[in-house]
């Protein structure tokens, strides 16, 4: 039990590069929810209806589009909504996305190294550095290496599609 987190590990290290986005940062990119309550809206303004409220600070989300003050985010359930940029912070956590099984935290960045701990499904962990296909994660006083493909928050490609506003239902 407990949560899984990855501290200081970034899926994108494009700090020297500037992009044609309102923030000048790459899209998609990873962030985390900053507050205990974050409203998810149907559009990029407080005039738009609240679809739901997130209640998990640190939850990793992928920014898939942005305006000057709002970010279109994808969450671990695959849901997409707009949140104020002030409700986001630099990504510090990842989520066990292995479905319904525990993931192993190894002593080294390979499957042959000893297992130090296990993380339950959907548990968060602090994100550390990533190398090759492994990321260093910490949670509940335990630190170890986990396969990046089992951690939600390490993907470089978009994990959700931007909604088509003109699609017919």
N, C-alpha and C. Protein backbone atom coordinates (compact mmCIF):
# COMPACT_ATOMS: atom_id res chain seq x y z
N UNK A 1 0.84 -1.18 0.00
CA UNK A 1 0.00 0.00 0.00
C UNK A 1 0.88 1.22 0.00
N UNK A 2 0.27 2.37 -0.28
CA UNK A 2 1.01 3.60 -0.32
C UNK A 2 1.06 4.12 -1.73
N UNK A 3 1.75 5.23 -1.86
CA UNK A 3 1.76 5.84 -3.17
C UNK A 3 3.16 5.79 -3.76
N UNK A 4 3.22 5.92 -5.06
CA UNK A 4 4.46 5.85 -5.81
C UNK A 4 4.77 7.23 -6.35
N UNK A 5 5.99 7.73 -6.21
CA UNK A 5 6.29 9.04 -6.75
C UNK A 5 7.67 9.06 -7.37
N UNK A 6 7.83 9.92 -8.34
CA UNK A 6 9.10 10.07 -9.02
C UNK A 6 9.54 11.52 -8.88
N UNK A 7 10.64 11.79 -8.19
CA UNK A 7 11.08 13.16 -7.96
C UNK A 7 12.16 13.56 -8.94
N UNK A 8 11.95 14.69 -9.57
CA UNK A 8 12.98 15.28 -10.40
C UNK A 8 13.20 14.62 -11.74
N UNK A 9 12.45 13.62 -12.09
CA UNK A 9 12.63 12.93 -13.36
C UNK A 9 11.73 13.59 -14.40
N UNK A 10 12.31 13.95 -15.52
CA UNK A 10 11.51 14.60 -16.54
C UNK A 10 11.50 13.74 -17.79
N UNK A 11 10.32 13.58 -18.36
CA UNK A 11 10.21 12.81 -19.59
C UNK A 11 10.77 13.61 -20.77
N UNK A 12 10.76 14.96 -20.66
CA UNK A 12 11.27 15.81 -21.72
C UNK A 12 12.31 16.75 -21.14
N UNK A 13 13.48 16.76 -21.72
CA UNK A 13 14.52 17.67 -21.26
C UNK A 13 14.85 18.65 -22.38
N UNK A 14 13.85 19.41 -22.81
CA UNK A 14 14.01 20.33 -23.93
C UNK A 14 14.16 21.77 -23.45
N UNK A 15 14.84 21.98 -22.32
CA UNK A 15 14.90 23.30 -21.71
C UNK A 15 15.52 24.36 -22.62
N UNK A 16 16.45 23.99 -23.47
CA UNK A 16 17.14 24.97 -24.29
C UNK A 16 16.35 25.34 -25.54
N UNK A 17 15.30 24.61 -25.84
CA UNK A 17 14.54 24.80 -27.05
C UNK A 17 13.27 25.58 -26.77
N UNK A 18 12.86 26.43 -27.73
CA UNK A 18 11.62 27.18 -27.60
C UNK A 18 10.63 26.68 -28.64
N UNK A 19 9.35 26.64 -28.26
CA UNK A 19 8.31 26.11 -29.14
C UNK A 19 7.27 27.19 -29.43
N UNK A 20 6.56 27.01 -30.53
CA UNK A 20 5.53 27.97 -30.93
C UNK A 20 4.23 27.67 -30.18
N UNK A 21 4.29 27.83 -28.87
CA UNK A 21 3.13 27.66 -28.00
C UNK A 21 3.07 28.89 -27.09
N UNK A 22 1.92 29.18 -26.49
CA UNK A 22 1.85 30.35 -25.60
C UNK A 22 2.89 30.34 -24.48
N UNK A 23 3.24 29.17 -23.97
CA UNK A 23 4.23 29.06 -22.90
C UNK A 23 5.66 28.99 -23.41
N UNK A 24 5.82 28.68 -24.71
CA UNK A 24 7.15 28.46 -25.27
C UNK A 24 7.67 27.06 -24.99
N UNK A 25 6.83 26.20 -24.38
CA UNK A 25 7.22 24.84 -24.02
C UNK A 25 6.61 23.82 -24.98
N UNK A 26 7.17 22.63 -25.00
CA UNK A 26 6.70 21.56 -25.88
C UNK A 26 5.31 21.08 -25.48
N UNK A 27 4.54 20.65 -26.46
CA UNK A 27 3.25 19.98 -26.25
C UNK A 27 3.29 18.74 -27.12
N UNK A 28 3.07 17.55 -26.55
CA UNK A 28 2.66 17.30 -25.17
C UNK A 28 3.85 17.39 -24.21
N UNK A 29 3.51 17.63 -22.93
CA UNK A 29 4.48 17.62 -21.84
C UNK A 29 3.75 17.23 -20.57
N UNK A 30 4.51 16.89 -19.54
CA UNK A 30 3.92 16.42 -18.29
C UNK A 30 3.89 17.52 -17.23
N UNK A 31 2.87 17.48 -16.40
CA UNK A 31 2.70 18.39 -15.27
C UNK A 31 2.02 17.60 -14.16
N UNK A 32 1.80 18.26 -13.03
CA UNK A 32 1.11 17.63 -11.91
C UNK A 32 0.12 18.64 -11.33
N UNK A 33 -0.97 18.12 -10.78
CA UNK A 33 -1.96 18.99 -10.14
C UNK A 33 -1.34 19.60 -8.89
N UNK A 34 -1.55 20.90 -8.69
CA UNK A 34 -0.91 21.64 -7.61
C UNK A 34 -1.72 21.63 -6.32
N UNK A 35 -3.04 21.62 -6.41
CA UNK A 35 -3.90 21.85 -5.25
C UNK A 35 -4.73 20.63 -4.88
N UNK A 36 -5.35 20.71 -3.69
CA UNK A 36 -6.24 19.62 -3.23
C UNK A 36 -7.51 19.55 -4.04
N UNK A 37 -7.91 20.69 -4.62
CA UNK A 37 -9.10 20.72 -5.49
C UNK A 37 -8.76 21.50 -6.75
N UNK A 38 -8.92 20.85 -7.90
CA UNK A 38 -8.66 21.48 -9.19
C UNK A 38 -9.88 21.23 -10.07
N UNK A 39 -10.52 22.32 -10.50
CA UNK A 39 -11.70 22.19 -11.37
C UNK A 39 -11.28 21.89 -12.79
N UNK A 40 -11.93 20.89 -13.38
CA UNK A 40 -11.74 20.52 -14.77
C UNK A 40 -12.94 21.06 -15.55
N UNK A 41 -12.68 21.88 -16.55
CA UNK A 41 -13.74 22.57 -17.27
C UNK A 41 -13.88 22.12 -18.72
N UNK A 42 -15.04 22.41 -19.27
CA UNK A 42 -15.34 22.02 -20.65
C UNK A 42 -14.60 22.91 -21.65
N UNK A 43 -14.20 24.09 -21.23
CA UNK A 43 -13.47 25.02 -22.09
C UNK A 43 -12.50 25.87 -21.29
N UNK A 44 -11.64 26.64 -21.99
CA UNK A 44 -10.57 27.39 -21.33
C UNK A 44 -10.99 28.75 -20.77
N UNK A 45 -11.89 28.73 -19.79
CA UNK A 45 -12.35 29.96 -19.16
C UNK A 45 -13.19 29.60 -17.93
N UNK A 46 -13.22 30.49 -16.95
CA UNK A 46 -14.08 30.25 -15.78
C UNK A 46 -15.56 30.39 -16.15
N UNK A 47 -15.85 30.91 -17.36
CA UNK A 47 -17.23 30.97 -17.84
C UNK A 47 -17.73 29.60 -18.27
N UNK A 48 -16.82 28.67 -18.50
CA UNK A 48 -17.20 27.31 -18.92
C UNK A 48 -17.54 26.44 -17.72
N UNK A 49 -18.45 25.52 -17.94
CA UNK A 49 -18.93 24.64 -16.86
C UNK A 49 -17.82 23.74 -16.33
N UNK A 50 -17.90 23.46 -15.02
CA UNK A 50 -17.00 22.50 -14.39
C UNK A 50 -17.52 21.10 -14.69
N UNK A 51 -16.67 20.26 -15.29
CA UNK A 51 -17.04 18.88 -15.60
C UNK A 51 -16.88 17.99 -14.37
N UNK A 52 -15.78 18.18 -13.64
CA UNK A 52 -15.50 17.44 -12.41
C UNK A 52 -14.43 18.21 -11.66
N UNK A 53 -14.15 17.78 -10.44
CA UNK A 53 -13.10 18.38 -9.62
C UNK A 53 -12.11 17.29 -9.22
N UNK A 54 -10.84 17.51 -9.56
CA UNK A 54 -9.79 16.59 -9.12
C UNK A 54 -9.51 16.85 -7.64
N UNK A 55 -9.27 15.79 -6.89
CA UNK A 55 -8.96 15.91 -5.46
C UNK A 55 -7.70 15.12 -5.11
N UNK A 56 -6.70 15.15 -5.99
CA UNK A 56 -5.47 14.40 -5.78
C UNK A 56 -4.27 15.28 -6.14
N UNK A 57 -3.77 16.08 -5.18
CA UNK A 57 -2.59 16.90 -5.50
C UNK A 57 -1.41 16.00 -5.91
N UNK A 58 -0.66 16.46 -6.89
CA UNK A 58 0.47 15.69 -7.39
C UNK A 58 0.12 14.74 -8.52
N UNK A 59 -1.18 14.56 -8.80
CA UNK A 59 -1.58 13.64 -9.86
C UNK A 59 -0.93 14.06 -11.18
N UNK A 60 -0.21 13.14 -11.84
CA UNK A 60 0.40 13.50 -13.12
C UNK A 60 -0.66 13.61 -14.22
N UNK A 61 -0.52 14.66 -15.04
CA UNK A 61 -1.39 14.88 -16.19
C UNK A 61 -0.51 15.27 -17.37
N UNK A 62 -0.99 14.94 -18.56
CA UNK A 62 -0.25 15.33 -19.76
C UNK A 62 -0.95 16.53 -20.38
N UNK A 63 -0.20 17.61 -20.60
CA UNK A 63 -0.73 18.79 -21.28
C UNK A 63 -0.70 18.48 -22.78
N UNK A 64 -1.88 18.53 -23.43
CA UNK A 64 -1.94 18.19 -24.85
C UNK A 64 -2.26 19.40 -25.73
N UNK A 65 -2.63 20.53 -25.10
CA UNK A 65 -2.86 21.78 -25.81
C UNK A 65 -2.85 22.89 -24.78
N UNK A 66 -2.74 24.14 -25.23
CA UNK A 66 -2.73 25.23 -24.27
C UNK A 66 -3.15 26.55 -24.90
N UNK A 67 -3.65 27.43 -24.03
CA UNK A 67 -3.85 28.84 -24.36
C UNK A 67 -2.91 29.59 -23.42
N UNK A 68 -2.98 30.90 -23.42
CA UNK A 68 -2.08 31.67 -22.55
C UNK A 68 -2.28 31.30 -21.08
N UNK A 69 -3.54 31.12 -20.63
CA UNK A 69 -3.82 30.91 -19.22
C UNK A 69 -4.40 29.54 -18.87
N UNK A 70 -4.65 28.70 -19.87
CA UNK A 70 -5.31 27.41 -19.64
C UNK A 70 -4.55 26.29 -20.32
N UNK A 71 -4.69 25.08 -19.74
CA UNK A 71 -4.04 23.90 -20.30
C UNK A 71 -5.08 22.80 -20.48
N UNK A 72 -5.10 22.19 -21.67
CA UNK A 72 -5.94 21.03 -21.93
C UNK A 72 -5.14 19.81 -21.49
N UNK A 73 -5.65 19.11 -20.47
CA UNK A 73 -4.90 18.00 -19.90
C UNK A 73 -5.62 16.67 -20.09
N UNK A 74 -4.81 15.63 -20.12
CA UNK A 74 -5.29 14.25 -20.16
C UNK A 74 -4.89 13.62 -18.83
N UNK A 75 -5.83 12.95 -18.17
CA UNK A 75 -5.53 12.34 -16.87
C UNK A 75 -5.36 10.83 -17.02
N UNK A 76 -4.99 10.14 -15.94
CA UNK A 76 -4.75 8.69 -16.04
C UNK A 76 -5.95 7.86 -16.46
N UNK A 77 -7.16 8.40 -16.38
CA UNK A 77 -8.34 7.65 -16.83
C UNK A 77 -8.59 7.86 -18.32
N UNK A 78 -7.82 8.76 -18.94
CA UNK A 78 -8.03 9.08 -20.36
C UNK A 78 -8.99 10.23 -20.57
N UNK A 79 -9.46 10.83 -19.49
CA UNK A 79 -10.37 11.97 -19.60
C UNK A 79 -9.58 13.23 -19.94
N UNK A 80 -10.23 14.12 -20.71
CA UNK A 80 -9.59 15.35 -21.16
C UNK A 80 -10.45 16.53 -20.73
N UNK A 81 -9.80 17.56 -20.16
CA UNK A 81 -10.51 18.77 -19.74
C UNK A 81 -9.52 19.92 -19.62
N UNK A 82 -10.05 21.13 -19.52
CA UNK A 82 -9.24 22.33 -19.36
C UNK A 82 -9.07 22.66 -17.89
N UNK A 83 -7.83 23.01 -17.49
CA UNK A 83 -7.55 23.48 -16.13
C UNK A 83 -6.70 24.75 -16.23
N UNK A 84 -6.85 25.61 -15.24
CA UNK A 84 -6.06 26.83 -15.19
C UNK A 84 -4.58 26.48 -15.03
N UNK A 85 -3.71 27.20 -15.73
CA UNK A 85 -2.28 26.93 -15.61
C UNK A 85 -1.79 27.15 -14.18
N UNK A 86 -2.49 27.97 -13.40
CA UNK A 86 -2.08 28.22 -12.01
C UNK A 86 -2.31 27.00 -11.12
N UNK A 87 -3.09 26.03 -11.59
CA UNK A 87 -3.38 24.81 -10.82
C UNK A 87 -2.42 23.67 -11.15
N UNK A 88 -1.40 23.97 -11.97
CA UNK A 88 -0.43 22.96 -12.37
C UNK A 88 0.96 23.33 -11.88
N UNK A 89 1.78 22.32 -11.70
CA UNK A 89 3.18 22.50 -11.32
C UNK A 89 4.03 21.52 -12.11
N UNK A 90 5.33 21.66 -11.98
CA UNK A 90 6.24 20.74 -12.66
C UNK A 90 5.93 19.31 -12.21
N UNK A 91 6.05 18.39 -13.13
CA UNK A 91 5.76 16.99 -12.82
C UNK A 91 6.74 16.46 -11.79
N UNK A 92 6.22 15.83 -10.76
CA UNK A 92 7.05 15.22 -9.73
C UNK A 92 6.66 13.78 -9.46
N UNK A 93 5.56 13.34 -10.04
CA UNK A 93 5.04 12.01 -9.72
C UNK A 93 4.69 11.22 -10.97
N UNK A 94 4.63 9.91 -10.81
CA UNK A 94 4.13 9.00 -11.83
C UNK A 94 3.13 8.06 -11.15
N UNK A 95 2.42 7.31 -11.96
CA UNK A 95 1.39 6.41 -11.48
C UNK A 95 1.68 5.01 -12.02
N UNK A 96 1.47 3.99 -11.20
CA UNK A 96 1.57 2.61 -11.68
C UNK A 96 0.42 2.38 -12.64
N UNK A 97 0.75 2.20 -13.91
CA UNK A 97 -0.29 2.02 -14.94
C UNK A 97 -0.33 0.59 -15.46
N UNK A 98 0.09 -0.36 -14.65
CA UNK A 98 0.20 -1.75 -15.10
C UNK A 98 -1.13 -2.49 -15.09
N UNK A 99 -2.22 -1.76 -14.96
CA UNK A 99 -3.51 -2.44 -14.92
C UNK A 99 -3.82 -2.87 -13.50
N UNK A 100 -4.04 -4.15 -13.30
CA UNK A 100 -4.43 -4.64 -11.98
C UNK A 100 -3.31 -5.39 -11.26
N UNK A 101 -2.07 -5.19 -11.69
CA UNK A 101 -0.99 -5.92 -11.03
C UNK A 101 0.03 -4.96 -10.40
N UNK A 102 0.74 -5.47 -9.43
CA UNK A 102 1.79 -4.70 -8.77
C UNK A 102 2.99 -4.61 -9.70
N UNK A 103 3.77 -3.53 -9.55
CA UNK A 103 5.02 -3.44 -10.29
C UNK A 103 6.17 -3.58 -9.30
N UNK A 104 7.27 -4.11 -9.80
CA UNK A 104 8.46 -4.32 -8.99
C UNK A 104 9.36 -3.09 -9.04
N UNK A 105 9.90 -2.72 -7.89
CA UNK A 105 10.91 -1.67 -7.81
C UNK A 105 12.25 -2.37 -7.58
N UNK A 106 13.13 -2.29 -8.58
CA UNK A 106 14.40 -3.01 -8.56
C UNK A 106 15.53 -2.15 -7.99
N UNK A 107 16.60 -2.81 -7.53
CA UNK A 107 17.77 -2.13 -7.00
C UNK A 107 18.54 -1.40 -8.10
N UNK A 108 18.45 -1.90 -9.32
CA UNK A 108 19.13 -1.28 -10.46
C UNK A 108 18.17 -1.12 -11.63
N UNK A 109 18.64 -0.47 -12.68
CA UNK A 109 17.81 -0.19 -13.85
C UNK A 109 17.78 -1.39 -14.81
N UNK A 110 17.46 -2.56 -14.27
CA UNK A 110 17.30 -3.75 -15.11
C UNK A 110 16.52 -4.82 -14.34
N UNK A 111 15.90 -5.71 -15.08
CA UNK A 111 15.03 -6.73 -14.49
C UNK A 111 15.80 -7.80 -13.72
N UNK A 112 17.11 -7.90 -13.95
CA UNK A 112 17.91 -8.92 -13.26
C UNK A 112 18.33 -8.47 -11.86
N UNK A 113 18.24 -7.18 -11.57
CA UNK A 113 18.64 -6.69 -10.24
C UNK A 113 17.58 -7.08 -9.20
N UNK A 114 17.99 -7.16 -7.93
CA UNK A 114 17.05 -7.58 -6.88
C UNK A 114 15.84 -6.65 -6.75
N UNK A 115 14.70 -7.23 -6.40
CA UNK A 115 13.49 -6.44 -6.18
C UNK A 115 13.53 -5.88 -4.76
N UNK A 116 13.37 -4.56 -4.65
CA UNK A 116 13.40 -3.90 -3.34
C UNK A 116 12.01 -3.74 -2.74
N UNK A 117 11.01 -3.52 -3.60
CA UNK A 117 9.65 -3.28 -3.11
C UNK A 117 8.68 -3.48 -4.27
N UNK A 118 7.41 -3.46 -3.94
CA UNK A 118 6.34 -3.56 -4.94
C UNK A 118 5.41 -2.37 -4.77
N UNK A 119 4.83 -1.90 -5.89
CA UNK A 119 3.85 -0.82 -5.85
C UNK A 119 2.54 -1.35 -6.37
N UNK A 120 1.46 -1.04 -5.66
CA UNK A 120 0.13 -1.52 -6.04
C UNK A 120 -0.38 -0.78 -7.28
N UNK A 121 -1.39 -1.33 -7.95
CA UNK A 121 -1.97 -0.68 -9.12
C UNK A 121 -2.45 0.73 -8.78
N UNK A 122 -2.20 1.66 -9.67
CA UNK A 122 -2.62 3.07 -9.58
C UNK A 122 -1.96 3.84 -8.44
N UNK A 123 -0.95 3.27 -7.79
CA UNK A 123 -0.24 3.97 -6.73
C UNK A 123 0.71 5.00 -7.34
N UNK A 124 0.79 6.18 -6.71
CA UNK A 124 1.70 7.22 -7.17
C UNK A 124 3.07 7.03 -6.52
N UNK A 125 4.09 7.55 -7.21
CA UNK A 125 5.46 7.52 -6.68
C UNK A 125 6.17 8.78 -7.14
N UNK A 126 7.14 9.22 -6.36
CA UNK A 126 7.97 10.36 -6.75
C UNK A 126 8.87 9.91 -7.91
N UNK A 127 9.01 10.79 -8.89
CA UNK A 127 9.78 10.47 -10.08
C UNK A 127 11.19 11.01 -9.95
N UNK A 128 12.16 10.13 -10.14
CA UNK A 128 13.56 10.52 -10.17
C UNK A 128 14.05 10.52 -11.60
N UNK A 129 15.33 10.22 -11.80
CA UNK A 129 15.88 10.23 -13.14
C UNK A 129 15.44 8.99 -13.92
N UNK A 130 15.40 9.15 -15.22
CA UNK A 130 15.08 8.03 -16.11
C UNK A 130 16.29 7.78 -16.99
N UNK A 131 16.58 6.49 -17.22
CA UNK A 131 17.62 6.15 -18.19
C UNK A 131 17.20 4.90 -18.93
N UNK A 132 17.42 4.96 -20.22
CA UNK A 132 16.96 3.91 -21.11
C UNK A 132 15.47 3.68 -20.89
N UNK A 133 15.05 2.50 -20.53
CA UNK A 133 13.63 2.21 -20.35
C UNK A 133 13.23 2.07 -18.89
N UNK A 134 14.03 2.66 -17.97
CA UNK A 134 13.80 2.54 -16.54
C UNK A 134 13.78 3.92 -15.88
N UNK A 135 12.97 4.07 -14.84
CA UNK A 135 12.93 5.31 -14.07
C UNK A 135 13.09 5.00 -12.59
N UNK A 136 13.82 5.86 -11.90
CA UNK A 136 13.99 5.74 -10.47
C UNK A 136 12.79 6.38 -9.79
N UNK A 137 12.15 5.61 -8.91
CA UNK A 137 10.95 6.09 -8.21
C UNK A 137 11.11 5.89 -6.71
N UNK A 138 10.38 6.73 -5.95
CA UNK A 138 10.42 6.62 -4.49
C UNK A 138 9.01 6.74 -3.94
N UNK A 139 8.74 5.93 -2.93
CA UNK A 139 7.44 5.98 -2.26
C UNK A 139 7.54 5.27 -0.92
N UNK A 140 6.88 5.83 0.07
CA UNK A 140 6.81 5.19 1.39
C UNK A 140 8.19 4.77 1.91
N UNK A 141 9.20 5.62 1.71
CA UNK A 141 10.53 5.32 2.21
C UNK A 141 11.32 4.33 1.39
N UNK A 142 10.76 3.85 0.29
CA UNK A 142 11.43 2.89 -0.59
C UNK A 142 11.81 3.58 -1.89
N UNK A 143 13.00 3.28 -2.39
CA UNK A 143 13.44 3.80 -3.68
C UNK A 143 13.89 2.63 -4.54
N UNK A 144 13.55 2.68 -5.81
CA UNK A 144 13.96 1.63 -6.72
C UNK A 144 13.71 2.03 -8.16
N UNK A 145 14.07 1.14 -9.05
CA UNK A 145 13.92 1.37 -10.49
C UNK A 145 12.74 0.56 -11.01
N UNK A 146 11.90 1.20 -11.82
CA UNK A 146 10.74 0.52 -12.40
C UNK A 146 10.75 0.71 -13.92
N UNK A 147 10.21 -0.25 -14.66
CA UNK A 147 10.14 -0.10 -16.12
C UNK A 147 9.28 1.11 -16.49
N UNK A 148 9.82 1.99 -17.32
CA UNK A 148 9.12 3.21 -17.72
C UNK A 148 7.78 2.92 -18.37
N UNK A 149 7.68 1.80 -19.11
CA UNK A 149 6.42 1.51 -19.81
C UNK A 149 5.28 1.12 -18.86
N UNK A 150 5.58 0.91 -17.58
CA UNK A 150 4.53 0.61 -16.59
C UNK A 150 4.19 1.83 -15.74
N UNK A 151 4.80 2.97 -16.06
CA UNK A 151 4.58 4.19 -15.29
C UNK A 151 3.85 5.22 -16.13
N UNK A 152 2.68 5.65 -15.67
CA UNK A 152 1.93 6.68 -16.38
C UNK A 152 2.55 8.02 -16.00
N UNK A 153 3.10 8.69 -17.01
CA UNK A 153 3.76 9.96 -16.78
C UNK A 153 5.16 9.99 -17.37
N UNK A 154 5.52 8.96 -18.11
CA UNK A 154 6.85 8.92 -18.74
C UNK A 154 6.77 8.89 -20.27
N UNK A 155 5.58 8.81 -20.83
CA UNK A 155 5.42 8.71 -22.29
C UNK A 155 5.83 10.02 -22.96
N UNK A 156 6.46 9.90 -24.11
CA UNK A 156 6.86 11.09 -24.86
C UNK A 156 5.78 11.48 -25.87
N UNK A 157 5.00 10.53 -26.33
CA UNK A 157 3.94 10.80 -27.30
C UNK A 157 2.64 11.16 -26.57
N UNK A 158 1.70 11.80 -27.26
CA UNK A 158 0.42 12.11 -26.62
C UNK A 158 -0.29 10.83 -26.17
N UNK A 159 -0.85 10.84 -24.97
CA UNK A 159 -1.56 9.67 -24.46
C UNK A 159 -3.06 9.78 -24.69
N UNK A 160 -3.54 10.97 -25.02
CA UNK A 160 -4.96 11.20 -25.33
C UNK A 160 -5.05 12.04 -26.59
N UNK A 161 -6.14 11.88 -27.28
CA UNK A 161 -6.40 12.71 -28.45
C UNK A 161 -7.12 13.98 -28.02
N UNK A 162 -6.80 15.08 -28.68
CA UNK A 162 -7.55 16.30 -28.44
C UNK A 162 -8.95 16.11 -29.00
N UNK A 163 -9.99 16.47 -28.24
CA UNK A 163 -11.35 16.25 -28.70
C UNK A 163 -11.63 17.03 -29.99
N UNK A 164 -12.41 16.42 -30.87
CA UNK A 164 -12.85 17.09 -32.09
C UNK A 164 -14.15 17.83 -31.77
N UNK A 165 -14.06 19.15 -31.68
CA UNK A 165 -15.22 19.95 -31.29
C UNK A 165 -16.33 19.94 -32.34
N UNK A 166 -15.99 19.52 -33.56
CA UNK A 166 -16.97 19.55 -34.64
C UNK A 166 -17.52 18.16 -34.97
N UNK A 167 -17.14 17.17 -34.20
CA UNK A 167 -17.62 15.81 -34.45
C UNK A 167 -19.10 15.70 -34.08
N UNK A 168 -19.82 14.93 -34.85
CA UNK A 168 -21.24 14.70 -34.54
C UNK A 168 -21.35 13.47 -33.66
N UNK A 169 -22.20 13.55 -32.66
CA UNK A 169 -22.39 12.43 -31.75
C UNK A 169 -23.42 11.47 -32.28
